[in-house]
């Protein structure tokens, strides 16, 4: 992650590790021109939903929960953007999809969200 110290990265790395323990699978998305890592994409599917997040830097992360049948082109049930640790923690704290407290209505994606590859 660009321009941050090991101490500053620690909570973000801990959140990523927690998501690994929770079953997320990862893809590293390269920037072929610069020959460096452009983003990290993580995803898991369970209980009829797909949860995913993309990290571009410590303060540029986006996460969402979709119904399986709406993924990847439909509207999410839930979404967040911001710092890696905050976004992953919020995603992991969502109620399980089969419980009454879980998000159940789709919502239009926020136009304020950072979209991977868009800048």
Protein backbone atom coordinates (compact mmCIF):
# COMPACT_ATOMS: atom_id res chain seq x y z
CA UNK A 1 0.00 0.00 0.00
CA UNK A 2 1.45 3.28 -1.11
CA UNK A 3 3.05 5.76 1.28
CA UNK A 4 2.10 4.17 4.60
CA UNK A 5 4.21 2.77 7.40
CA UNK A 6 4.03 -0.75 8.75
CA UNK A 7 2.25 0.54 11.89
CA UNK A 8 -0.32 2.38 9.78
CA UNK A 9 -0.93 -0.71 7.64
CA UNK A 10 -1.32 -3.12 10.60
CA UNK A 11 -5.10 -2.70 11.13
CA UNK A 12 -5.75 -3.02 7.39
CA UNK A 13 -3.65 -6.17 7.12
CA UNK A 14 -5.38 -7.62 10.20
CA UNK A 15 -8.78 -7.03 8.56
CA UNK A 16 -7.61 -8.72 5.35
CA UNK A 17 -6.37 -11.70 7.36
CA UNK A 18 -9.69 -11.88 9.20
CA UNK A 19 -11.50 -12.00 5.85
CA UNK A 20 -9.21 -14.83 4.75
CA UNK A 21 -10.21 -16.73 7.90
CA UNK A 22 -13.87 -16.07 6.98
CA UNK A 23 -13.48 -17.74 3.58
CA UNK A 24 -12.68 -14.94 1.14
CA UNK A 25 -10.69 -15.92 -1.96
CA UNK A 26 -8.32 -13.41 -3.57
CA UNK A 27 -7.15 -12.18 -6.96
CA UNK A 28 -4.29 -9.76 -7.42
CA UNK A 29 -5.06 -7.36 -10.26
CA UNK A 30 -1.88 -6.16 -11.99
CA UNK A 31 -1.18 -2.87 -13.69
CA UNK A 32 0.63 -4.33 -16.70
CA UNK A 33 1.96 -0.98 -17.90
CA UNK A 34 3.64 -0.16 -14.60
CA UNK A 35 4.34 -3.81 -13.74
CA UNK A 36 2.94 -3.44 -10.24
CA UNK A 37 -0.10 -4.42 -8.25
CA UNK A 38 -3.08 -2.22 -9.17
CA UNK A 39 -5.68 -3.69 -6.79
CA UNK A 40 -6.64 -6.67 -4.67
CA UNK A 41 -10.05 -8.27 -5.22
CA UNK A 42 -11.61 -10.63 -2.67
CA UNK A 43 -14.87 -12.58 -2.85
CA UNK A 44 -16.87 -15.24 -1.06
CA UNK A 45 -20.24 -16.83 -1.72
CA UNK A 46 -22.52 -18.26 0.95
CA UNK A 47 -26.16 -18.37 1.96
CA UNK A 48 -27.40 -17.09 -1.40
CA UNK A 49 -25.18 -13.99 -1.47
CA UNK A 50 -21.85 -12.94 -2.92
CA UNK A 51 -19.73 -10.60 -0.83
CA UNK A 52 -16.76 -8.86 -2.37
CA UNK A 53 -14.29 -6.10 -1.80
CA UNK A 54 -11.62 -4.38 -3.84
CA UNK A 55 -8.62 -2.56 -2.42
CA UNK A 56 -6.61 0.00 -4.32
CA UNK A 57 -4.86 1.66 -1.35
CA UNK A 58 -5.32 1.86 2.42
CA UNK A 59 -7.97 4.57 2.01
CA UNK A 60 -9.49 3.30 -1.26
CA UNK A 61 -11.60 0.20 -0.69
CA UNK A 62 -15.08 -0.74 -1.79
CA UNK A 63 -17.22 -3.63 -0.53
CA UNK A 64 -20.64 -4.97 -1.42
CA UNK A 65 -23.11 -7.78 -0.80
CA UNK A 66 -25.24 -9.01 -3.70
CA UNK A 67 -27.82 -11.71 -4.15
CA UNK A 68 -26.19 -14.50 -6.14
CA UNK A 69 -28.68 -13.99 -8.98
CA UNK A 70 -27.88 -10.25 -9.13
CA UNK A 71 -24.11 -10.65 -9.16
CA UNK A 72 -22.11 -9.05 -10.76
CA UNK A 73 -24.31 -6.72 -12.83
CA UNK A 74 -27.27 -6.10 -10.52
CA UNK A 75 -27.71 -3.69 -7.66
CA UNK A 76 -26.17 -4.54 -4.29
CA UNK A 77 -28.03 -5.29 -1.07
CA UNK A 78 -25.35 -3.36 0.83
CA UNK A 79 -22.23 -1.38 -0.05
CA UNK A 80 -19.52 0.70 1.60
CA UNK A 81 -16.39 2.55 0.61
CA UNK A 82 -13.51 4.07 2.52
CA UNK A 83 -10.47 2.80 4.40
CA UNK A 84 -9.65 -0.89 4.07
CA UNK A 85 -10.04 -1.80 7.74
CA UNK A 86 -13.38 0.03 8.08
CA UNK A 87 -14.87 -1.43 4.90
CA UNK A 88 -13.83 -5.03 5.59
CA UNK A 89 -14.94 -4.82 9.23
CA UNK A 90 -18.34 -3.47 8.19
CA UNK A 91 -18.73 -6.24 5.60
CA UNK A 92 -17.79 -8.98 8.07
CA UNK A 93 -20.18 -7.57 10.68
CA UNK A 94 -23.22 -7.77 8.40
CA UNK A 95 -25.87 -10.13 9.74
CA UNK A 96 -25.90 -13.55 8.02
CA UNK A 97 -27.99 -13.45 4.84
CA UNK A 98 -30.66 -15.82 6.16
CA UNK A 99 -31.52 -13.72 9.24
CA UNK A 100 -34.23 -11.04 9.59
CA UNK A 101 -31.66 -8.30 10.31
CA UNK A 102 -29.73 -8.92 7.07
CA UNK A 103 -30.01 -6.42 4.21
CA UNK A 104 -32.71 -7.77 1.89
CA UNK A 105 -33.61 -4.95 -0.50
CA UNK A 106 -31.36 -3.95 -3.37
CA UNK A 107 -30.19 -0.39 -3.64
CA UNK A 108 -28.74 1.66 -6.44
CA UNK A 109 -24.94 1.85 -6.21
CA UNK A 110 -23.67 5.19 -4.94
CA UNK A 111 -22.24 7.40 -7.65
CA UNK A 112 -19.65 8.52 -5.07
CA UNK A 113 -18.06 5.06 -4.95
CA UNK A 114 -14.63 4.53 -6.38
CA UNK A 115 -14.85 2.02 -9.21
CA UNK A 116 -11.80 -0.20 -9.84
CA UNK A 117 -9.91 1.01 -12.87
CA UNK A 118 -11.71 4.37 -12.92
CA UNK A 119 -9.01 6.43 -11.27
